[in-house]
Amino acid sequence: MTGSQAHGDAYVRATLEAIVAAPEEFPREVDPRLGLYKTFHAIWSSSHLEDTPSIGGGGQEAIAQARLARLTPLPRQALLLTALEGFTVDDVSYLISLEPDEVEGLVEEALSEIEAQTRAKVLIIEDEPIIAMDIETIVRDLGHEVTAIAVTREDAVREAMADRPGLVLADIQLADDSSGIDAVKDILTEFSVPVIFITAFPERLLTGERPEPTFLITKPFQRSTVKAAISQALFFDEATAPV
């Protein structure tokens, strides 16, 4: 949210110190979690710390830093608070002292900035036609290309080999009783690609055999959740990282 782990740690320390030093100023008219974030934002917005992250390290940290260097701070914060922290638009409106429509605009701005960095080919593995169409619409609305919609493990592997995707969105229970997990494992033996499982059977991924790198969304899903997960998965993908 702040642009780097070091800055985030510094803001958290400053927030806790401010609450301890002046507990009477802590917002008590709202949920404590909202009060905590409100205090955090007040410190963050008034800070003179350099917000642009330095590029260093390796792996996902370096990729994230490269992405964050290209996001403007307030849209980034609005996106993370709504999509990842689970706050409503009205909550975020309170937290950052803006009107709800302004918050929505900031979220769209952040998504647009990320989407511009992360164009990708997407393979959808889903046997329910209506759900597949909904997911396809979400993917295309984000500016990505859908290479194919596969309904079985065999179809999925064949399509992945025919046109290598930059992201896989997979159900677990497929049309012929084959497994989306097995399909993903087959694909990952050939090349690395980020995967998002969208399933009504999340417990099947909690067995210790979960293929990596993967994300999990439980059905029924919110379109905003799928959009955020796609953006996050591609955000940390080396193949689309800024150079």
Foldseek 3Di string as FASTA:
>chain_A
DQLAPVVVVVLLVVLVVVCVVCVVPQDPVDDNVLSSLLSSLVCSVPDPPDRQDDQDDDALRNLLSLLSNQADPPLVVLQCCVQPVPDDLVSVCVSNVHDSVVSVVSPVVRLLSLLVLFAWEEEEADADVVVVVVLCVLQVVSVHHYQYYHQALVRLLVSCVVPPTQEYEHEAQGDVRHGRQVSVVSSVVVDDHEYEYEYQCCVVCVPVPHDPDYHYHYPPGDSSNSSVVVSVRRSSRPVSGDD
